[in-house]
Amino acid sequence: MAGHLEKELEKLKKRILLLSALVEESLHKALRAVSQRDTKLARGVVDGDSAIDEMEVEVEEECLKVLALHQPVAVDLRFIISVLKINRDLERIGDFAVSMADKAARLASYEHRNQVFDFSTMGEKVLSMLSRSIDSMVKADAQLAMDVCAADDEVDRMKRGAYVEVKTRMREHPEEVDYLLDLLSISRHLERIADHATNIAEDVIYSVNGEIVRHRLDEFAP
C-alpha cells in the first residue's frame, strides 16, 4: 500500500509541475504582449486559459482521490494539502495573465502613447518569484521558499511606484485617463501574481516543515 501511495504522490507531483509550466508560459507571453503591444500574442494567452482551467480541475480531483483511497498522514498529508492550495493559486495566476493579455490588446489601440511606467523590471521580478516558488516545491527547499516570501515587499514597492507615476501623468494629461488606468491595472495584476507566488512558497514551507508562516512574513524581510 505504501508503495502505491508513493506512486500516486509522484504522479500528482508531475501533474502540478505540468500545470505550473503552463502558467509560467502564459505569464511570460502576457508580459511580452504588454511590452510589445502584441495583440496576436495576447489572444494566444486568452485562448490557452481553458487548458489551465481543465488541468486545475484534474489536479484537484486527483488530490481528493488520493485522500479518499489512501488516507495519508504526516508529511504525505501535508504535501497533498499543499498541492490543493498551490493548484488554486496557479489557476488564479493564469487568470491574471489573461487579464494582462486583455490589457495588452487594449494598449495596442492607443496610438503614440508613452509607456509612462516600464513593466519589464517588475515583470521579471514577478516571473522569478513564480519560478522559484515552483522550484522550491520540486526541491522541497524551505529556504528557497522563504526567499520568495522576502521578495514580495520589493514588488509591492514597484507597484506603489507605478501608482505614483501614473497618478502624476493623469494630472498632466487627463485626456489619457483610460490608457493610464489600463497601465495601473497591469501593475495591480503583477502585484497580485506576486502575492499568489508568495502563497505557493508559504505552502511549500508548510509541506516541508509543518510550519504555517503566512502571518509572520516580516521575519523573512531582507
N, C-alpha and C. Protein backbone atom coordinates (compact mmCIF):
# COMPACT_ATOMS: atom_id res chain seq x y z
N MET A 1 0.83 -1.21 0.00
CA MET A 1 0.00 0.00 0.00
C MET A 1 0.86 1.26 0.00
N ALA A 2 1.95 1.24 0.80
CA ALA A 2 2.82 2.41 0.88
C ALA A 2 3.46 2.71 -0.46
N GLY A 3 3.86 1.64 -1.16
CA GLY A 3 4.47 1.81 -2.48
C GLY A 3 3.49 2.40 -3.48
N HIS A 4 2.25 1.98 -3.39
CA HIS A 4 1.22 2.50 -4.29
C HIS A 4 0.97 3.98 -4.01
N LEU A 5 0.94 4.37 -2.74
CA LEU A 5 0.76 5.77 -2.37
C LEU A 5 1.91 6.61 -2.91
N GLU A 6 3.11 6.08 -2.80
CA GLU A 6 4.29 6.81 -3.30
C GLU A 6 4.16 7.08 -4.80
N LYS A 7 3.67 6.08 -5.54
CA LYS A 7 3.48 6.26 -6.99
C LYS A 7 2.42 7.32 -7.27
N GLU A 8 1.35 7.31 -6.48
CA GLU A 8 0.28 8.29 -6.67
C GLU A 8 0.78 9.70 -6.37
N LEU A 9 1.59 9.83 -5.34
CA LEU A 9 2.13 11.15 -4.99
C LEU A 9 3.09 11.65 -6.08
N GLU A 10 3.86 10.74 -6.65
CA GLU A 10 4.78 11.12 -7.72
C GLU A 10 3.99 11.57 -8.96
N LYS A 11 2.91 10.88 -9.25
CA LYS A 11 2.05 11.26 -10.37
C LYS A 11 1.42 12.63 -10.12
N LEU A 12 1.02 12.86 -8.88
CA LEU A 12 0.42 14.14 -8.51
C LEU A 12 1.44 15.27 -8.67
N LYS A 13 2.66 14.99 -8.27
CA LYS A 13 3.72 15.98 -8.39
C LYS A 13 3.96 16.34 -9.86
N LYS A 14 3.95 15.35 -10.73
CA LYS A 14 4.15 15.61 -12.15
C LYS A 14 3.02 16.45 -12.73
N ARG A 15 1.80 16.20 -12.27
CA ARG A 15 0.65 16.97 -12.76
C ARG A 15 0.75 18.44 -12.35
N ILE A 16 1.12 18.68 -11.10
CA ILE A 16 1.18 20.07 -10.64
C ILE A 16 2.35 20.80 -11.31
N LEU A 17 3.41 20.07 -11.63
CA LEU A 17 4.53 20.68 -12.34
C LEU A 17 4.15 21.02 -13.77
N LEU A 18 3.36 20.16 -14.39
CA LEU A 18 2.90 20.45 -15.75
C LEU A 18 1.99 21.68 -15.76
N LEU A 19 1.12 21.77 -14.76
CA LEU A 19 0.27 22.95 -14.65
C LEU A 19 1.11 24.21 -14.43
N SER A 20 2.11 24.12 -13.57
CA SER A 20 2.95 25.28 -13.29
C SER A 20 3.70 25.73 -14.56
N ALA A 21 4.11 24.77 -15.39
CA ALA A 21 4.79 25.12 -16.63
C ALA A 21 3.86 25.87 -17.58
N LEU A 22 2.60 25.43 -17.65
CA LEU A 22 1.62 26.12 -18.48
C LEU A 22 1.39 27.55 -17.98
N VAL A 23 1.30 27.70 -16.67
CA VAL A 23 1.04 29.01 -16.09
C VAL A 23 2.24 29.94 -16.29
N GLU A 24 3.43 29.42 -16.08
CA GLU A 24 4.63 30.24 -16.29
C GLU A 24 4.72 30.72 -17.73
N GLU A 25 4.42 29.83 -18.67
CA GLU A 25 4.46 30.20 -20.08
C GLU A 25 3.40 31.25 -20.40
N SER A 26 2.22 31.10 -19.81
CA SER A 26 1.16 32.06 -20.02
C SER A 26 1.55 33.45 -19.50
N LEU A 27 2.15 33.49 -18.32
CA LEU A 27 2.59 34.76 -17.75
C LEU A 27 3.69 35.38 -18.61
N HIS A 28 4.62 34.56 -19.05
CA HIS A 28 5.73 35.04 -19.88
C HIS A 28 5.18 35.67 -21.17
N LYS A 29 4.22 35.01 -21.80
CA LYS A 29 3.63 35.54 -23.03
C LYS A 29 2.84 36.83 -22.76
N ALA A 30 2.14 36.86 -21.64
CA ALA A 30 1.37 38.07 -21.30
C ALA A 30 2.30 39.27 -21.11
N LEU A 31 3.44 39.04 -20.45
CA LEU A 31 4.40 40.13 -20.26
C LEU A 31 4.97 40.61 -21.59
N ARG A 32 5.26 39.68 -22.47
CA ARG A 32 5.74 40.06 -23.80
C ARG A 32 4.67 40.82 -24.58
N ALA A 33 3.43 40.37 -24.44
CA ALA A 33 2.32 41.05 -25.13
C ALA A 33 2.18 42.49 -24.65
N VAL A 34 2.38 42.69 -23.34
CA VAL A 34 2.30 44.05 -22.79
C VAL A 34 3.45 44.91 -23.31
N SER A 35 4.66 44.40 -23.24
CA SER A 35 5.83 45.20 -23.63
C SER A 35 5.85 45.49 -25.13
N GLN A 36 5.37 44.52 -25.93
CA GLN A 36 5.39 44.68 -27.39
C GLN A 36 4.05 45.13 -27.96
N ARG A 37 3.03 45.21 -27.09
CA ARG A 37 1.67 45.55 -27.52
C ARG A 37 1.26 44.64 -28.68
N ASP A 38 1.44 43.37 -28.45
CA ASP A 38 1.23 42.34 -29.47
C ASP A 38 -0.14 41.69 -29.28
N THR A 39 -1.08 42.02 -30.13
CA THR A 39 -2.45 41.50 -29.99
C THR A 39 -2.52 40.00 -30.27
N LYS A 40 -1.73 39.52 -31.22
CA LYS A 40 -1.74 38.10 -31.55
C LYS A 40 -1.25 37.27 -30.36
N LEU A 41 -0.20 37.72 -29.74
CA LEU A 41 0.33 37.03 -28.57
C LEU A 41 -0.68 37.09 -27.42
N ALA A 42 -1.34 38.22 -27.27
CA ALA A 42 -2.35 38.37 -26.23
C ALA A 42 -3.50 37.39 -26.44
N ARG A 43 -3.93 37.22 -27.68
CA ARG A 43 -5.01 36.27 -27.96
C ARG A 43 -4.59 34.85 -27.62
N GLY A 44 -3.33 34.54 -27.85
CA GLY A 44 -2.83 33.20 -27.53
C GLY A 44 -2.91 32.91 -26.04
N VAL A 45 -2.65 33.92 -25.21
CA VAL A 45 -2.76 33.76 -23.76
C VAL A 45 -4.21 33.49 -23.37
N VAL A 46 -5.13 34.25 -23.95
CA VAL A 46 -6.55 34.08 -23.64
C VAL A 46 -7.03 32.71 -24.08
N ASP A 47 -6.65 32.30 -25.28
CA ASP A 47 -7.09 31.00 -25.80
C ASP A 47 -6.52 29.83 -25.01
N GLY A 48 -5.34 30.02 -24.42
CA GLY A 48 -4.70 28.93 -23.68
C GLY A 48 -5.20 28.76 -22.26
N ASP A 49 -6.06 29.66 -21.80
CA ASP A 49 -6.51 29.60 -20.41
C ASP A 49 -7.39 28.39 -20.13
N SER A 50 -8.13 27.92 -21.11
CA SER A 50 -9.01 26.77 -20.88
C SER A 50 -8.22 25.53 -20.52
N ALA A 51 -7.04 25.37 -21.10
CA ALA A 51 -6.19 24.21 -20.77
C ALA A 51 -5.74 24.28 -19.31
N ILE A 52 -5.44 25.48 -18.84
CA ILE A 52 -5.05 25.66 -17.44
C ILE A 52 -6.22 25.33 -16.52
N ASP A 53 -7.40 25.81 -16.88
CA ASP A 53 -8.59 25.54 -16.06
C ASP A 53 -8.88 24.04 -15.97
N GLU A 54 -8.78 23.36 -17.10
CA GLU A 54 -9.05 21.92 -17.13
C GLU A 54 -8.05 21.15 -16.27
N MET A 55 -6.78 21.53 -16.37
CA MET A 55 -5.77 20.83 -15.60
C MET A 55 -5.92 21.11 -14.11
N GLU A 56 -6.35 22.31 -13.76
CA GLU A 56 -6.58 22.63 -12.35
C GLU A 56 -7.64 21.71 -11.75
N VAL A 57 -8.70 21.47 -12.51
CA VAL A 57 -9.75 20.56 -12.05
C VAL A 57 -9.21 19.12 -11.93
N GLU A 58 -8.40 18.70 -12.88
CA GLU A 58 -7.82 17.35 -12.84
C GLU A 58 -6.94 17.15 -11.62
N VAL A 59 -6.12 18.15 -11.32
CA VAL A 59 -5.24 18.04 -10.16
C VAL A 59 -6.05 17.95 -8.87
N GLU A 60 -7.08 18.78 -8.77
CA GLU A 60 -7.93 18.74 -7.57
C GLU A 60 -8.59 17.37 -7.41
N GLU A 61 -9.12 16.84 -8.50
CA GLU A 61 -9.76 15.52 -8.45
C GLU A 61 -8.76 14.45 -8.04
N GLU A 62 -7.54 14.56 -8.55
CA GLU A 62 -6.51 13.57 -8.21
C GLU A 62 -6.15 13.65 -6.73
N CYS A 63 -6.05 14.87 -6.20
CA CYS A 63 -5.77 15.04 -4.77
C CYS A 63 -6.86 14.40 -3.91
N LEU A 64 -8.10 14.66 -4.26
CA LEU A 64 -9.22 14.13 -3.48
C LEU A 64 -9.26 12.60 -3.56
N LYS A 65 -8.92 12.06 -4.71
CA LYS A 65 -8.91 10.61 -4.87
C LYS A 65 -7.84 9.97 -3.98
N VAL A 66 -6.66 10.57 -3.95
CA VAL A 66 -5.58 10.04 -3.11
C VAL A 66 -5.95 10.13 -1.64
N LEU A 67 -6.57 11.24 -1.25
CA LEU A 67 -7.00 11.39 0.14
C LEU A 67 -8.02 10.32 0.53
N ALA A 68 -8.96 10.06 -0.37
CA ALA A 68 -10.02 9.10 -0.07
C ALA A 68 -9.52 7.66 -0.05
N LEU A 69 -8.63 7.32 -0.97
CA LEU A 69 -8.20 5.93 -1.11
C LEU A 69 -7.09 5.54 -0.14
N HIS A 70 -6.22 6.50 0.21
CA HIS A 70 -5.02 6.13 0.96
C HIS A 70 -4.97 6.71 2.37
N GLN A 71 -5.80 7.72 2.64
CA GLN A 71 -5.81 8.35 3.96
C GLN A 71 -4.39 8.61 4.47
N PRO A 72 -3.62 9.40 3.71
CA PRO A 72 -2.22 9.67 4.09
C PRO A 72 -2.13 10.47 5.39
N VAL A 73 -0.97 10.40 6.03
CA VAL A 73 -0.73 11.13 7.27
C VAL A 73 0.61 11.85 7.18
N ALA A 74 0.87 12.69 8.17
CA ALA A 74 2.16 13.37 8.34
C ALA A 74 2.57 14.11 7.07
N VAL A 75 3.81 13.88 6.61
CA VAL A 75 4.36 14.66 5.52
C VAL A 75 3.59 14.43 4.22
N ASP A 76 3.10 13.23 3.99
CA ASP A 76 2.33 12.95 2.78
C ASP A 76 1.02 13.74 2.77
N LEU A 77 0.37 13.80 3.91
CA LEU A 77 -0.86 14.57 4.02
C LEU A 77 -0.59 16.05 3.80
N ARG A 78 0.47 16.55 4.39
CA ARG A 78 0.82 17.97 4.22
C ARG A 78 1.11 18.27 2.75
N PHE A 79 1.76 17.35 2.08
CA PHE A 79 2.08 17.55 0.66
C PHE A 79 0.80 17.67 -0.16
N ILE A 80 -0.15 16.79 0.07
CA ILE A 80 -1.40 16.82 -0.71
C ILE A 80 -2.19 18.09 -0.42
N ILE A 81 -2.26 18.47 0.85
CA ILE A 81 -2.95 19.71 1.20
C ILE A 81 -2.28 20.90 0.51
N SER A 82 -0.96 20.89 0.50
CA SER A 82 -0.23 21.98 -0.15
C SER A 82 -0.49 22.01 -1.65
N VAL A 83 -0.52 20.85 -2.28
CA VAL A 83 -0.79 20.78 -3.72
C VAL A 83 -2.18 21.32 -4.03
N LEU A 84 -3.16 20.98 -3.21
CA LEU A 84 -4.51 21.50 -3.40
C LEU A 84 -4.52 23.04 -3.39
N LYS A 85 -3.79 23.63 -2.46
CA LYS A 85 -3.76 25.09 -2.36
C LYS A 85 -2.91 25.72 -3.47
N ILE A 86 -1.78 25.10 -3.77
CA ILE A 86 -0.92 25.59 -4.85
C ILE A 86 -1.65 25.53 -6.18
N ASN A 87 -2.40 24.47 -6.38
CA ASN A 87 -3.19 24.28 -7.58
C ASN A 87 -4.11 25.48 -7.82
N ARG A 88 -4.77 25.91 -6.77
CA ARG A 88 -5.69 27.04 -6.87
C ARG A 88 -4.93 28.33 -7.15
N ASP A 89 -3.79 28.52 -6.50
CA ASP A 89 -3.00 29.74 -6.73
C ASP A 89 -2.52 29.80 -8.18
N LEU A 90 -2.10 28.66 -8.72
CA LEU A 90 -1.65 28.64 -10.11
C LEU A 90 -2.77 29.02 -11.07
N GLU A 91 -3.96 28.50 -10.80
CA GLU A 91 -5.10 28.83 -11.67
C GLU A 91 -5.40 30.32 -11.62
N ARG A 92 -5.30 30.92 -10.44
CA ARG A 92 -5.55 32.35 -10.30
C ARG A 92 -4.46 33.17 -11.02
N ILE A 93 -3.23 32.70 -10.96
CA ILE A 93 -2.16 33.39 -11.70
C ILE A 93 -2.47 33.34 -13.19
N GLY A 94 -2.95 32.19 -13.66
CA GLY A 94 -3.35 32.09 -15.06
C GLY A 94 -4.43 33.10 -15.41
N ASP A 95 -5.39 33.30 -14.51
CA ASP A 95 -6.45 34.28 -14.74
C ASP A 95 -5.88 35.70 -14.83
N PHE A 96 -4.92 36.02 -13.97
CA PHE A 96 -4.32 37.35 -14.01
C PHE A 96 -3.50 37.54 -15.30
N ALA A 97 -2.87 36.47 -15.77
CA ALA A 97 -2.14 36.56 -17.04
C ALA A 97 -3.11 36.88 -18.18
N VAL A 98 -4.29 36.27 -18.14
CA VAL A 98 -5.31 36.57 -19.15
C VAL A 98 -5.75 38.03 -19.06
N SER A 99 -5.95 38.52 -17.83
CA SER A 99 -6.34 39.92 -17.66
C SER A 99 -5.27 40.86 -18.19
N MET A 100 -4.00 40.50 -17.98
CA MET A 100 -2.92 41.31 -18.52
C MET A 100 -2.92 41.28 -20.04
N ALA A 101 -3.20 40.10 -20.60
CA ALA A 101 -3.26 39.98 -22.06
C ALA A 101 -4.38 40.84 -22.63
N ASP A 102 -5.53 40.87 -21.94
CA ASP A 102 -6.63 41.74 -22.38
C ASP A 102 -6.18 43.20 -22.39
N LYS A 103 -5.45 43.58 -21.34
CA LYS A 103 -4.97 44.96 -21.27
C LYS A 103 -3.94 45.23 -22.36
N ALA A 104 -3.11 44.24 -22.68
CA ALA A 104 -2.11 44.40 -23.74
C ALA A 104 -2.79 44.67 -25.07
N ALA A 105 -3.88 43.97 -25.33
CA ALA A 105 -4.62 44.19 -26.58
C ALA A 105 -5.20 45.60 -26.62
N ARG A 106 -5.65 46.09 -25.46
CA ARG A 106 -6.18 47.45 -25.39
C ARG A 106 -5.05 48.47 -25.59
N LEU A 107 -3.89 48.19 -25.01
CA LEU A 107 -2.77 49.13 -25.16
C LEU A 107 -2.41 49.32 -26.63
N ALA A 108 -2.56 48.26 -27.40
CA ALA A 108 -2.22 48.35 -28.82
C ALA A 108 -3.13 49.32 -29.57
N SER A 109 -4.30 49.59 -28.99
CA SER A 109 -5.24 50.51 -29.65
C SER A 109 -4.94 51.97 -29.35
N TYR A 110 -4.06 52.21 -28.35
CA TYR A 110 -3.69 53.58 -28.04
C TYR A 110 -2.45 53.95 -28.85
N GLU A 111 -2.63 54.82 -29.80
CA GLU A 111 -1.52 55.16 -30.69
C GLU A 111 -0.66 56.28 -30.09
N HIS A 112 0.62 56.10 -30.28
CA HIS A 112 1.59 57.15 -29.92
C HIS A 112 1.48 57.58 -28.46
N ARG A 113 1.30 56.63 -27.57
CA ARG A 113 1.26 56.95 -26.14
C ARG A 113 2.55 56.46 -25.48
N ASN A 114 3.10 57.29 -24.63
CA ASN A 114 4.31 56.89 -23.91
C ASN A 114 3.98 55.79 -22.90
N GLN A 115 4.96 54.95 -22.63
CA GLN A 115 4.74 53.83 -21.72
C GLN A 115 4.49 54.30 -20.29
N VAL A 116 5.04 55.45 -19.90
CA VAL A 116 4.89 56.05 -18.56
C VAL A 116 5.63 55.22 -17.51
N PHE A 117 5.32 53.93 -17.44
CA PHE A 117 5.97 53.06 -16.45
C PHE A 117 6.50 51.82 -17.16
N ASP A 118 7.75 51.50 -16.93
CA ASP A 118 8.38 50.33 -17.55
C ASP A 118 8.06 49.09 -16.70
N PHE A 119 7.28 48.18 -17.28
CA PHE A 119 6.87 46.99 -16.54
C PHE A 119 7.90 45.85 -16.61
N SER A 120 8.95 46.02 -17.39
CA SER A 120 9.87 44.91 -17.61
C SER A 120 10.54 44.45 -16.31
N THR A 121 11.03 45.39 -15.50
CA THR A 121 11.70 45.03 -14.25
C THR A 121 10.74 44.35 -13.28
N MET A 122 9.56 44.95 -13.14
CA MET A 122 8.55 44.37 -12.25
C MET A 122 8.11 43.00 -12.75
N GLY A 123 7.93 42.88 -14.06
CA GLY A 123 7.52 41.60 -14.64
C GLY A 123 8.55 40.51 -14.44
N GLU A 124 9.83 40.86 -14.63
CA GLU A 124 10.90 39.88 -14.43
C GLU A 124 10.97 39.43 -12.98
N LYS A 125 10.75 40.38 -12.07
CA LYS A 125 10.78 40.05 -10.64
C LYS A 125 9.65 39.08 -10.30
N VAL A 126 8.46 39.36 -10.80
CA VAL A 126 7.30 38.51 -10.52
C VAL A 126 7.48 37.13 -11.14
N LEU A 127 7.96 37.09 -12.38
CA LEU A 127 8.18 35.81 -13.05
C LEU A 127 9.22 34.99 -12.29
N SER A 128 10.25 35.66 -11.78
CA SER A 128 11.28 34.98 -10.99
C SER A 128 10.69 34.41 -9.70
N MET A 129 9.82 35.18 -9.06
CA MET A 129 9.19 34.70 -7.83
C MET A 129 8.37 33.45 -8.09
N LEU A 130 7.61 33.47 -9.19
CA LEU A 130 6.80 32.29 -9.53
C LEU A 130 7.68 31.08 -9.82
N SER A 131 8.71 31.29 -10.61
CA SER A 131 9.61 30.20 -10.98
C SER A 131 10.30 29.60 -9.75
N ARG A 132 10.76 30.47 -8.85
CA ARG A 132 11.46 29.99 -7.66
C ARG A 132 10.52 29.32 -6.67
N SER A 133 9.28 29.79 -6.61
CA SER A 133 8.32 29.14 -5.71
C SER A 133 8.05 27.71 -6.16
N ILE A 134 7.93 27.51 -7.48
CA ILE A 134 7.74 26.16 -8.01
C ILE A 134 9.00 25.33 -7.81
N ASP A 135 10.15 25.95 -8.03
CA ASP A 135 11.42 25.25 -7.83
C ASP A 135 11.56 24.80 -6.38
N SER A 136 11.11 25.63 -5.45
CA SER A 136 11.19 25.26 -4.03
C SER A 136 10.31 24.05 -3.72
N MET A 137 9.19 23.94 -4.45
CA MET A 137 8.32 22.78 -4.27
C MET A 137 8.99 21.52 -4.81
N VAL A 138 9.59 21.63 -5.99
CA VAL A 138 10.26 20.48 -6.60
C VAL A 138 11.38 19.96 -5.71
N LYS A 139 12.14 20.88 -5.14
CA LYS A 139 13.30 20.51 -4.33
C LYS A 139 12.97 20.34 -2.86
N ALA A 140 11.70 20.61 -2.49
CA ALA A 140 11.31 20.60 -1.07
C ALA A 140 12.28 21.48 -0.28
N ASP A 141 12.50 22.69 -0.80
CA ASP A 141 13.50 23.61 -0.25
C ASP A 141 12.79 24.75 0.47
N ALA A 142 12.70 24.66 1.79
CA ALA A 142 12.00 25.68 2.58
C ALA A 142 12.75 27.01 2.55
N GLN A 143 14.07 26.98 2.50
CA GLN A 143 14.84 28.22 2.50
C GLN A 143 14.59 29.00 1.21
N LEU A 144 14.56 28.31 0.09
CA LEU A 144 14.25 28.98 -1.18
C LEU A 144 12.85 29.58 -1.14
N ALA A 145 11.92 28.86 -0.54
CA ALA A 145 10.56 29.37 -0.40
C ALA A 145 10.54 30.63 0.47
N MET A 146 11.34 30.65 1.52
CA MET A 146 11.43 31.84 2.37
C MET A 146 11.98 33.03 1.60
N ASP A 147 12.93 32.77 0.71
CA ASP A 147 13.48 33.85 -0.12
C ASP A 147 12.41 34.45 -1.02
N VAL A 148 11.52 33.60 -1.53
CA VAL A 148 10.41 34.10 -2.35
C VAL A 148 9.51 35.01 -1.52
N CYS A 149 9.20 34.58 -0.32
CA CYS A 149 8.37 35.41 0.58
C CYS A 149 9.00 36.77 0.81
N ALA A 150 10.32 36.78 0.98
CA ALA A 150 11.03 38.03 1.26
C ALA A 150 11.01 38.98 0.06
N ALA A 151 10.87 38.42 -1.14
CA ALA A 151 10.91 39.24 -2.36
C ALA A 151 9.61 39.99 -2.60
N ASP A 152 8.56 39.63 -1.92
CA ASP A 152 7.24 40.22 -2.19
C ASP A 152 7.21 41.72 -1.88
N ASP A 153 7.94 42.14 -0.86
CA ASP A 153 7.94 43.56 -0.48
C ASP A 153 8.46 44.44 -1.62
N GLU A 154 9.45 43.94 -2.35
CA GLU A 154 10.02 44.73 -3.44
C GLU A 154 8.99 44.94 -4.55
N VAL A 155 8.21 43.91 -4.84
CA VAL A 155 7.16 44.04 -5.85
C VAL A 155 6.11 45.04 -5.39
N ASP A 156 5.78 45.00 -4.11
CA ASP A 156 4.83 45.98 -3.56
C ASP A 156 5.35 47.41 -3.75
N ARG A 157 6.64 47.60 -3.53
CA ARG A 157 7.22 48.94 -3.71
C ARG A 157 7.14 49.37 -5.18
N MET A 158 7.39 48.42 -6.08
CA MET A 158 7.31 48.74 -7.51
C MET A 158 5.89 49.13 -7.90
N LYS A 159 4.92 48.43 -7.34
CA LYS A 159 3.52 48.75 -7.64
C LYS A 159 3.17 50.14 -7.14
N ARG A 160 3.64 50.49 -5.95
CA ARG A 160 3.39 51.83 -5.43
C ARG A 160 4.06 52.89 -6.31
N GLY A 161 5.26 52.56 -6.81
CA GLY A 161 5.95 53.48 -7.71
C GLY A 161 5.18 53.68 -9.00
N ALA A 162 4.61 52.61 -9.52
CA ALA A 162 3.79 52.72 -10.74
C ALA A 162 2.58 53.61 -10.48
N TYR A 163 1.99 53.45 -9.32
CA TYR A 163 0.81 54.25 -8.97
C TYR A 163 1.15 55.74 -8.94
N VAL A 164 2.28 56.07 -8.34
CA VAL A 164 2.69 57.47 -8.25
C VAL A 164 2.93 58.05 -9.64
N GLU A 165 3.62 57.30 -10.49
CA GLU A 165 3.93 57.79 -11.83
C GLU A 165 2.67 57.97 -12.66
N VAL A 166 1.77 57.00 -12.57
CA VAL A 166 0.52 57.08 -13.34
C VAL A 166 -0.36 58.23 -12.84
N LYS A 167 -0.43 58.40 -11.53
CA LYS A 167 -1.23 59.47 -10.95
C LYS A 167 -0.71 60.84 -11.40
N THR A 168 0.61 60.99 -11.41
CA THR A 168 1.21 62.24 -11.87
C THR A 168 0.86 62.51 -13.32
N ARG A 169 0.93 61.46 -14.13
CA ARG A 169 0.60 61.61 -15.55
C ARG A 169 -0.87 61.97 -15.76
N MET A 170 -1.75 61.41 -14.92
CA MET A 170 -3.18 61.73 -15.02
C MET A 170 -3.45 63.21 -14.80
N ARG A 171 -2.73 63.79 -13.84
CA ARG A 171 -2.90 65.21 -13.57
C ARG A 171 -2.46 66.05 -14.76
N GLU A 172 -1.37 65.61 -15.39
CA GLU A 172 -0.81 66.38 -16.50
C GLU A 172 -1.57 66.15 -17.80
N HIS A 173 -2.13 64.93 -17.97
CA HIS A 173 -2.80 64.58 -19.22
C HIS A 173 -4.11 63.86 -18.92
N PRO A 174 -5.11 64.57 -18.45
CA PRO A 174 -6.39 63.94 -18.10
C PRO A 174 -7.07 63.27 -19.30
N GLU A 175 -6.71 63.67 -20.50
CA GLU A 175 -7.31 63.04 -21.69
C GLU A 175 -6.83 61.59 -21.88
N GLU A 176 -5.80 61.20 -21.15
CA GLU A 176 -5.26 59.84 -21.28
C GLU A 176 -5.72 58.91 -20.16
N VAL A 177 -6.78 59.28 -19.47
CA VAL A 177 -7.15 58.56 -18.26
C VAL A 177 -7.43 57.08 -18.52
N ASP A 178 -8.11 56.74 -19.61
CA ASP A 178 -8.41 55.32 -19.89
C ASP A 178 -7.13 54.51 -20.09
N TYR A 179 -6.23 55.08 -20.86
CA TYR A 179 -4.95 54.44 -21.11
C TYR A 179 -4.17 54.25 -19.80
N LEU A 180 -4.15 55.28 -18.99
CA LEU A 180 -3.39 55.24 -17.74
C LEU A 180 -4.01 54.26 -16.74
N LEU A 181 -5.32 54.16 -16.73
CA LEU A 181 -5.98 53.18 -15.85
C LEU A 181 -5.63 51.76 -16.26
N ASP A 182 -5.48 51.52 -17.56
CA ASP A 182 -5.05 50.19 -18.01
C ASP A 182 -3.64 49.87 -17.52
N LEU A 183 -2.76 50.87 -17.57
CA LEU A 183 -1.41 50.67 -17.05
C LEU A 183 -1.44 50.36 -15.55
N LEU A 184 -2.28 51.08 -14.84
CA LEU A 184 -2.40 50.86 -13.40
C LEU A 184 -2.92 49.45 -13.11
N SER A 185 -3.85 48.98 -13.92
CA SER A 185 -4.39 47.63 -13.75
C SER A 185 -3.31 46.57 -13.94
N ILE A 186 -2.44 46.79 -14.92
CA ILE A 186 -1.36 45.82 -15.16
C ILE A 186 -0.45 45.73 -13.94
N SER A 187 -0.11 46.87 -13.36
CA SER A 187 0.75 46.84 -12.17
C SER A 187 0.05 46.12 -11.02
N ARG A 188 -1.26 46.31 -10.92
CA ARG A 188 -2.03 45.63 -9.87
C ARG A 188 -2.07 44.13 -10.13
N HIS A 189 -2.22 43.72 -11.38
CA HIS A 189 -2.22 42.28 -11.70
C HIS A 189 -0.87 41.65 -11.33
N LEU A 190 0.20 42.34 -11.65
CA LEU A 190 1.53 41.81 -11.33
C LEU A 190 1.72 41.68 -9.82
N GLU A 191 1.24 42.67 -9.09
CA GLU A 191 1.36 42.62 -7.63
C GLU A 191 0.56 41.45 -7.05
N ARG A 192 -0.61 41.18 -7.63
CA ARG A 192 -1.43 40.06 -7.16
C ARG A 192 -0.79 38.72 -7.53
N ILE A 193 -0.15 38.64 -8.68
CA ILE A 193 0.56 37.41 -9.06
C ILE A 193 1.68 37.14 -8.07
N ALA A 194 2.39 38.21 -7.68
CA ALA A 194 3.46 38.05 -6.68
C ALA A 194 2.88 37.54 -5.36
N ASP A 195 1.69 38.02 -5.00
CA ASP A 195 1.04 37.53 -3.78
C ASP A 195 0.75 36.03 -3.88
N HIS A 196 0.29 35.59 -5.04
CA HIS A 196 -0.01 34.16 -5.21
C HIS A 196 1.28 33.32 -5.22
N ALA A 197 2.35 33.86 -5.80
CA ALA A 197 3.64 33.17 -5.75
C ALA A 197 4.10 33.03 -4.30
N THR A 198 3.85 34.07 -3.51
CA THR A 198 4.18 34.02 -2.08
C THR A 198 3.34 32.96 -1.38
N ASN A 199 2.06 32.89 -1.73
CA ASN A 199 1.19 31.85 -1.16
C ASN A 199 1.75 30.45 -1.43
N ILE A 200 2.21 30.26 -2.66
CA ILE A 200 2.79 28.96 -3.03
C ILE A 200 4.01 28.67 -2.16
N ALA A 201 4.86 29.67 -2.00
CA ALA A 201 6.05 29.50 -1.17
C ALA A 201 5.68 29.17 0.28
N GLU A 202 4.66 29.83 0.80
CA GLU A 202 4.20 29.55 2.16
C GLU A 202 3.73 28.10 2.29
N ASP A 203 3.04 27.62 1.25
CA ASP A 203 2.55 26.23 1.29
C ASP A 203 3.69 25.23 1.20
N VAL A 204 4.75 25.60 0.48
CA VAL A 204 5.93 24.74 0.44
C VAL A 204 6.57 24.64 1.82
N ILE A 205 6.67 25.78 2.50
CA ILE A 205 7.23 25.77 3.86
C ILE A 205 6.40 24.88 4.78
N TYR A 206 5.07 24.99 4.64
CA TYR A 206 4.19 24.13 5.44
C TYR A 206 4.40 22.66 5.10
N SER A 207 4.51 22.36 3.81
CA SER A 207 4.67 20.97 3.38
C SER A 207 5.98 20.38 3.91
N VAL A 208 7.03 21.18 3.89
CA VAL A 208 8.36 20.68 4.28
C VAL A 208 8.53 20.66 5.80
N ASN A 209 8.14 21.77 6.46
CA ASN A 209 8.43 21.93 7.88
C ASN A 209 7.21 21.77 8.80
N GLY A 210 6.03 21.72 8.20
CA GLY A 210 4.82 21.67 9.02
C GLY A 210 4.55 22.98 9.72
N GLU A 211 5.07 24.08 9.14
CA GLU A 211 5.01 25.40 9.78
C GLU A 211 4.10 26.32 8.98
N ILE A 212 3.14 26.98 9.63
CA ILE A 212 2.29 27.95 8.97
C ILE A 212 2.88 29.34 9.20
N VAL A 213 3.30 30.00 8.11
CA VAL A 213 4.08 31.24 8.25
C VAL A 213 3.38 32.47 7.67
N ARG A 214 2.14 32.33 7.20
CA ARG A 214 1.54 33.42 6.44
C ARG A 214 1.37 34.71 7.24
N HIS A 215 1.34 34.65 8.56
CA HIS A 215 1.21 35.86 9.36
C HIS A 215 2.55 36.29 9.96
N ARG A 216 3.63 35.70 9.46
CA ARG A 216 4.95 36.02 10.01
C ARG A 216 5.93 36.39 8.91
N LEU A 217 5.43 36.93 7.80
CA LEU A 217 6.30 37.19 6.65
C LEU A 217 7.33 38.27 6.94
N ASP A 218 7.09 39.12 7.96
CA ASP A 218 8.07 40.14 8.29
C ASP A 218 9.38 39.53 8.76
N GLU A 219 9.32 38.27 9.21
CA GLU A 219 10.54 37.59 9.65
C GLU A 219 11.48 37.31 8.49
N PHE A 220 10.93 37.30 7.25
CA PHE A 220 11.75 36.96 6.08
C PHE A 220 12.17 38.19 5.31
N ALA A 221 11.82 39.37 5.80
CA ALA A 221 12.17 40.61 5.10
C ALA A 221 13.69 40.77 5.10
N PRO A 222 14.26 41.18 3.96
CA PRO A 222 15.71 41.35 3.89
C PRO A 222 16.18 42.51 4.76
